[in-house]
């Protein structure tokens, strides 16, 4: 459950009710349901739900009075947004020129093979998400990988193997 998700108990003592819808509604209201706030609203929705489902995107489009195609277009354009649940751990391999020349493809191959998923996907056990990024702006550290938000420098396939072993990826 995402850290921002909260629950309340109804007055009748019924099971807890999820407050995420209300929190998302509040975020849209704060921006006067303006389509100009789409990226901010999408960030809030992903923070609340962990990923953006088709139903969630349709709700956002309706409430912001935007065409669903625009909402989906913005969602798929920015790599930050995810249409599928993310794994417990995330590896983002920089595939910019400097990283590519120094072996980024071997790193991506190692991760996709070990995690049994393509870039942009999550391993079947939900432990690891793998992605590629065009450039993370750390060319002097090539090849670089962002692992759970931390930049790793001059990464080798053997280092990835060791980290995957440590987190229990078969």
C-alpha atoms as a PDB file:
ATOM      1  CA  UNK A   1       0.000   0.000   0.000  1.00  0.00           C
ATOM      2  CA  UNK A   2       1.465   3.391  -0.975  1.00  0.00           C
ATOM      3  CA  UNK A   3       2.602   5.492   1.979  1.00  0.00           C
ATOM      4  CA  UNK A   4       0.126   8.255   1.159  1.00  0.00           C
ATOM      5  CA  UNK A   5      -2.888   5.954   1.250  1.00  0.00           C
ATOM      6  CA  UNK A   6      -5.001   6.468   4.339  1.00  0.00           C
ATOM      7  CA  UNK A   7      -8.080   4.720   5.564  1.00  0.00           C
ATOM      8  CA  UNK A   8     -10.929   5.671   7.842  1.00  0.00           C
ATOM      9  CA  UNK A   9     -13.570   3.640   9.602  1.00  0.00           C
ATOM     10  CA  UNK A  10     -17.173   4.503   8.837  1.00  0.00           C
ATOM     11  CA  UNK A  11     -19.488   5.645  11.635  1.00  0.00           C
ATOM     12  CA  UNK A  12     -21.421   2.357  11.460  1.00  0.00           C
ATOM     13  CA  UNK A  13     -18.247   0.383  12.124  1.00  0.00           C
ATOM     14  CA  UNK A  14     -18.073  -0.929   8.545  1.00  0.00           C
ATOM     15  CA  UNK A  15     -14.753  -1.973   7.038  1.00  0.00           C
ATOM     16  CA  UNK A  16     -12.234   0.821   6.451  1.00  0.00           C
ATOM     17  CA  UNK A  17     -12.894   3.013   3.400  1.00  0.00           C
ATOM     18  CA  UNK A  18     -10.120   4.111   1.061  1.00  0.00           C
ATOM     19  CA  UNK A  19      -9.546   7.901   1.074  1.00  0.00           C
ATOM     20  CA  UNK A  20      -7.509   8.050  -2.132  1.00  0.00           C
ATOM     21  CA  UNK A  21     -10.463   9.140  -4.279  1.00  0.00           C
ATOM     22  CA  UNK A  22     -11.203  12.008  -1.952  1.00  0.00           C
ATOM     23  CA  UNK A  23      -7.537  13.044  -1.856  1.00  0.00           C
ATOM     24  CA  UNK A  24      -7.347  13.032  -5.671  1.00  0.00           C
ATOM     25  CA  UNK A  25     -10.581  15.018  -5.852  1.00  0.00           C
ATOM     26  CA  UNK A  26      -9.085  17.552  -3.451  1.00  0.00           C
ATOM     27  CA  UNK A  27      -5.998  17.890  -5.661  1.00  0.00           C
ATOM     28  CA  UNK A  28      -8.137  18.537  -8.746  1.00  0.00           C
ATOM     29  CA  UNK A  29     -10.286  21.005  -6.818  1.00  0.00           C
ATOM     30  CA  UNK A  30      -7.187  22.871  -5.638  1.00  0.00           C
ATOM     31  CA  UNK A  31      -6.419  23.505  -9.331  1.00  0.00           C
ATOM     32  CA  UNK A  32     -10.049  24.433 -10.122  1.00  0.00           C
ATOM     33  CA  UNK A  33     -10.374  21.307 -12.316  1.00  0.00           C
ATOM     34  CA  UNK A  34      -8.161  23.022 -14.889  1.00  0.00           C
ATOM     35  CA  UNK A  35      -6.765  20.957 -17.742  1.00  0.00           C
ATOM     36  CA  UNK A  36      -3.570  22.974 -17.337  1.00  0.00           C
ATOM     37  CA  UNK A  37      -2.969  21.055 -14.096  1.00  0.00           C
ATOM     38  CA  UNK A  38      -2.984  17.650 -15.824  1.00  0.00           C
ATOM     39  CA  UNK A  39       0.625  16.725 -15.049  1.00  0.00           C
ATOM     40  CA  UNK A  40       0.257  17.770 -11.400  1.00  0.00           C
ATOM     41  CA  UNK A  41      -2.962  15.736 -11.092  1.00  0.00           C
ATOM     42  CA  UNK A  42      -1.338  12.702 -12.741  1.00  0.00           C
ATOM     43  CA  UNK A  43       1.596  12.948 -10.313  1.00  0.00           C
ATOM     44  CA  UNK A  44      -0.827  13.056  -7.393  1.00  0.00           C
ATOM     45  CA  UNK A  45      -2.825  10.111  -8.737  1.00  0.00           C
ATOM     46  CA  UNK A  46       0.281   7.991  -9.232  1.00  0.00           C
ATOM     47  CA  UNK A  47       1.550   8.872  -5.768  1.00  0.00           C
ATOM     48  CA  UNK A  48      -1.786   7.812  -4.279  1.00  0.00           C
ATOM     49  CA  UNK A  49      -2.388   4.649  -6.327  1.00  0.00           C
ATOM     50  CA  UNK A  50       1.127   3.533  -7.277  1.00  0.00           C
ATOM     51  CA  UNK A  51       0.279   3.420 -10.991  1.00  0.00           C
ATOM     52  CA  UNK A  52      -2.299   4.837 -13.389  1.00  0.00           C
ATOM     53  CA  UNK A  53      -5.102   2.484 -14.443  1.00  0.00           C
ATOM     54  CA  UNK A  54      -7.305   3.068 -17.501  1.00  0.00           C
ATOM     55  CA  UNK A  55     -10.250   3.727 -15.173  1.00  0.00           C
ATOM     56  CA  UNK A  56      -8.264   6.312 -13.225  1.00  0.00           C
ATOM     57  CA  UNK A  57      -7.179   8.058 -16.437  1.00  0.00           C
ATOM     58  CA  UNK A  58     -10.791   8.141 -17.648  1.00  0.00           C
ATOM     59  CA  UNK A  59     -11.905   9.709 -14.356  1.00  0.00           C
ATOM     60  CA  UNK A  60      -9.195  12.353 -14.557  1.00  0.00           C
ATOM     61  CA  UNK A  61     -10.080  13.133 -18.188  1.00  0.00           C
ATOM     62  CA  UNK A  62     -13.764  13.497 -17.326  1.00  0.00           C
ATOM     63  CA  UNK A  63     -13.202  15.682 -14.262  1.00  0.00           C
ATOM     64  CA  UNK A  64     -10.652  17.944 -15.984  1.00  0.00           C
ATOM     65  CA  UNK A  65     -12.857  18.065 -19.112  1.00  0.00           C
ATOM     66  CA  UNK A  66     -10.065  16.803 -21.340  1.00  0.00           C
ATOM     67  CA  UNK A  67     -10.167  14.258 -24.167  1.00  0.00           C
ATOM     68  CA  UNK A  68      -9.060  10.838 -22.902  1.00  0.00           C
ATOM     69  CA  UNK A  69      -6.514  10.739 -25.746  1.00  0.00           C
ATOM     70  CA  UNK A  70      -4.751  13.824 -24.354  1.00  0.00           C
ATOM     71  CA  UNK A  71      -4.572  12.332 -20.852  1.00  0.00           C
ATOM     72  CA  UNK A  72      -3.198   9.055 -22.209  1.00  0.00           C
ATOM     73  CA  UNK A  73      -0.798  10.928 -24.509  1.00  0.00           C
ATOM     74  CA  UNK A  74       0.697  12.894 -21.607  1.00  0.00           C
ATOM     75  CA  UNK A  75       0.839   9.750 -19.463  1.00  0.00           C
ATOM     76  CA  UNK A  76       2.744   7.746 -22.065  1.00  0.00           C
ATOM     77  CA  UNK A  77       5.030  10.630 -23.103  1.00  0.00           C
ATOM     78  CA  UNK A  78       6.640  11.077 -19.681  1.00  0.00           C
ATOM     79  CA  UNK A  79       8.601   8.063 -18.410  1.00  0.00           C
ATOM     80  CA  UNK A  80       7.784   8.942 -14.786  1.00  0.00           C
ATOM     81  CA  UNK A  81       4.201   7.755 -15.208  1.00  0.00           C
ATOM     82  CA  UNK A  82       3.434   4.049 -15.049  1.00  0.00           C
ATOM     83  CA  UNK A  83       0.389   2.234 -16.423  1.00  0.00           C
ATOM     84  CA  UNK A  84       1.302  -0.966 -14.578  1.00  0.00           C
ATOM     85  CA  UNK A  85       2.223  -1.727 -10.985  1.00  0.00           C
ATOM     86  CA  UNK A  86       5.913  -1.223 -10.272  1.00  0.00           C
ATOM     87  CA  UNK A  87       8.130  -3.760  -8.577  1.00  0.00           C
ATOM     88  CA  UNK A  88       9.531  -3.507  -5.070  1.00  0.00           C
ATOM     89  CA  UNK A  89      12.844  -2.450  -6.635  1.00  0.00           C
ATOM     90  CA  UNK A  90      13.487  -0.384  -9.763  1.00  0.00           C
ATOM     91  CA  UNK A  91      16.504  -0.425 -12.073  1.00  0.00           C
ATOM     92  CA  UNK A  92      16.745   2.310 -14.716  1.00  0.00           C
ATOM     93  CA  UNK A  93      19.656   1.864 -17.096  1.00  0.00           C
ATOM     94  CA  UNK A  94      20.944   4.978 -18.834  1.00  0.00           C
ATOM     95  CA  UNK A  95      21.193   4.296 -22.571  1.00  0.00           C
ATOM     96  CA  UNK A  96      22.658   7.673 -23.547  1.00  0.00           C
ATOM     97  CA  UNK A  97      25.689   7.728 -25.819  1.00  0.00           C
ATOM     98  CA  UNK A  98      28.382   7.646 -23.114  1.00  0.00           C
ATOM     99  CA  UNK A  99      26.656   4.868 -21.181  1.00  0.00           C
ATOM    100  CA  UNK A 100      25.850   2.918 -24.326  1.00  0.00           C
ATOM    101  CA  UNK A 101      29.476   3.013 -25.484  1.00  0.00           C
ATOM    102  CA  UNK A 102      30.640   1.812 -22.058  1.00  0.00           C
ATOM    103  CA  UNK A 103      28.284  -1.177 -21.888  1.00  0.00           C
ATOM    104  CA  UNK A 104      24.733  -0.107 -21.027  1.00  0.00           C
ATOM    105  CA  UNK A 105      23.231  -2.670 -23.405  1.00  0.00           C
ATOM    106  CA  UNK A 106      24.943  -5.513 -21.525  1.00  0.00           C
ATOM    107  CA  UNK A 107      23.449  -4.159 -18.284  1.00  0.00           C
ATOM    108  CA  UNK A 108      19.982  -3.975 -19.783  1.00  0.00           C
ATOM    109  CA  UNK A 109      20.380  -7.484 -21.211  1.00  0.00           C
ATOM    110  CA  UNK A 110      21.474  -8.803 -17.797  1.00  0.00           C
ATOM    111  CA  UNK A 111      18.454  -7.253 -16.061  1.00  0.00           C
ATOM    112  CA  UNK A 112      15.900  -8.368 -18.642  1.00  0.00           C
ATOM    113  CA  UNK A 113      17.292 -11.903 -18.617  1.00  0.00           C
ATOM    114  CA  UNK A 114      17.492 -12.250 -14.820  1.00  0.00           C
ATOM    115  CA  UNK A 115      14.165 -10.503 -14.163  1.00  0.00           C
ATOM    116  CA  UNK A 116      12.349 -12.166 -17.068  1.00  0.00           C
ATOM    117  CA  UNK A 117      10.812  -8.917 -18.318  1.00  0.00           C
ATOM    118  CA  UNK A 118      11.373  -6.400 -21.062  1.00  0.00           C
ATOM    119  CA  UNK A 119      12.430  -2.813 -20.409  1.00  0.00           C
ATOM    120  CA  UNK A 120       9.407  -0.973 -19.097  1.00  0.00           C
ATOM    121  CA  UNK A 121       8.135  -4.128 -17.424  1.00  0.00           C
ATOM    122  CA  UNK A 122       8.108  -5.810 -14.044  1.00  0.00           C
ATOM    123  CA  UNK A 123       9.330  -9.278 -13.155  1.00  0.00           C
ATOM    124  CA  UNK A 124       6.625 -11.954 -12.800  1.00  0.00           C
ATOM    125  CA  UNK A 125       7.204 -12.092  -9.028  1.00  0.00           C
ATOM    126  CA  UNK A 126       6.757  -8.317  -8.701  1.00  0.00           C
ATOM    127  CA  UNK A 127      10.210  -7.830  -7.189  1.00  0.00           C
ATOM    128  CA  UNK A 128      11.884  -5.760  -9.917  1.00  0.00           C
ATOM    129  CA  UNK A 129      10.908  -3.201 -12.546  1.00  0.00           C
ATOM    130  CA  UNK A 130      13.380  -2.610 -15.362  1.00  0.00           C
ATOM    131  CA  UNK A 131      13.539   0.491 -17.550  1.00  0.00           C
ATOM    132  CA  UNK A 132      15.856   2.296 -19.888  1.00  0.00           C
ATOM    133  CA  UNK A 133      16.308   6.062 -19.991  1.00  0.00           C
ATOM    134  CA  UNK A 134      17.719   8.033 -22.903  1.00  0.00           C
ATOM    135  CA  UNK A 135      20.080   9.975 -20.647  1.00  0.00           C
ATOM    136  CA  UNK A 136      20.208  10.635 -16.916  1.00  0.00           C
ATOM    137  CA  UNK A 137      22.845  13.358 -17.186  1.00  0.00           C
ATOM    138  CA  UNK A 138      25.631  11.454 -15.439  1.00  0.00           C
ATOM    139  CA  UNK A 139      27.908  10.793 -18.397  1.00  0.00           C
ATOM    140  CA  UNK A 140      31.061  10.884 -16.279  1.00  0.00           C
ATOM    141  CA  UNK A 141      29.727   7.883 -14.332  1.00  0.00           C
ATOM    142  CA  UNK A 142      29.062   5.740 -17.419  1.00  0.00           C
ATOM    143  CA  UNK A 143      27.612   3.240 -17.534  1.00  0.00           C
ATOM    144  CA  UNK A 144      25.150   4.463 -14.934  1.00  0.00           C
ATOM    145  CA  UNK A 145      22.082   2.833 -13.404  1.00  0.00           C
ATOM    146  CA  UNK A 146      19.483   4.356 -11.136  1.00  0.00           C
ATOM    147  CA  UNK A 147      18.657   1.712  -8.541  1.00  0.00           C
ATOM    148  CA  UNK A 148      15.764   2.558  -6.229  1.00  0.00           C
ATOM    149  CA  UNK A 149      16.447   6.260  -6.740  1.00  0.00           C
ATOM    150  CA  UNK A 150      20.227   6.097  -6.219  1.00  0.00           C
ATOM    151  CA  UNK A 151      22.721   6.545  -9.046  1.00  0.00           C
ATOM    152  CA  UNK A 152      25.242   3.725  -9.365  1.00  0.00           C
ATOM    153  CA  UNK A 153      28.452   4.561 -11.246  1.00  0.00           C
ATOM    154  CA  UNK A 154      30.513   2.465 -13.642  1.00  0.00           C
ATOM    155  CA  UNK A 155      28.225  -0.526 -13.203  1.00  0.00           C
ATOM    156  CA  UNK A 156      29.201  -3.983 -14.439  1.00  0.00           C
ATOM    157  CA  UNK A 157      26.931  -6.939 -15.186  1.00  0.00           C
ATOM    158  CA  UNK A 158      28.594  -8.733 -12.249  1.00  0.00           C
ATOM    159  CA  UNK A 159      27.566  -5.923  -9.883  1.00  0.00           C
ATOM    160  CA  UNK A 160      23.978  -6.230 -11.106  1.00  0.00           C
ATOM    161  CA  UNK A 161      24.131  -9.999 -10.556  1.00  0.00           C
ATOM    162  CA  UNK A 162      25.326  -9.445  -6.985  1.00  0.00           C
ATOM    163  CA  UNK A 163      22.546  -6.940  -6.255  1.00  0.00           C
ATOM    164  CA  UNK A 164      19.885  -9.175  -7.815  1.00  0.00           C
ATOM    165  CA  UNK A 165      21.172 -12.080  -5.689  1.00  0.00           C
ATOM    166  CA  UNK A 166      21.022  -9.862  -2.587  1.00  0.00           C
ATOM    167  CA  UNK A 167      17.355  -8.958  -3.143  1.00  0.00           C
ATOM    168  CA  UNK A 168      16.433 -12.561  -3.951  1.00  0.00           C
ATOM    169  CA  UNK A 169      15.904 -12.517  -7.706  1.00  0.00           C
ATOM    170  CA  UNK A 170      16.432 -15.976  -9.175  1.00  0.00           C
END
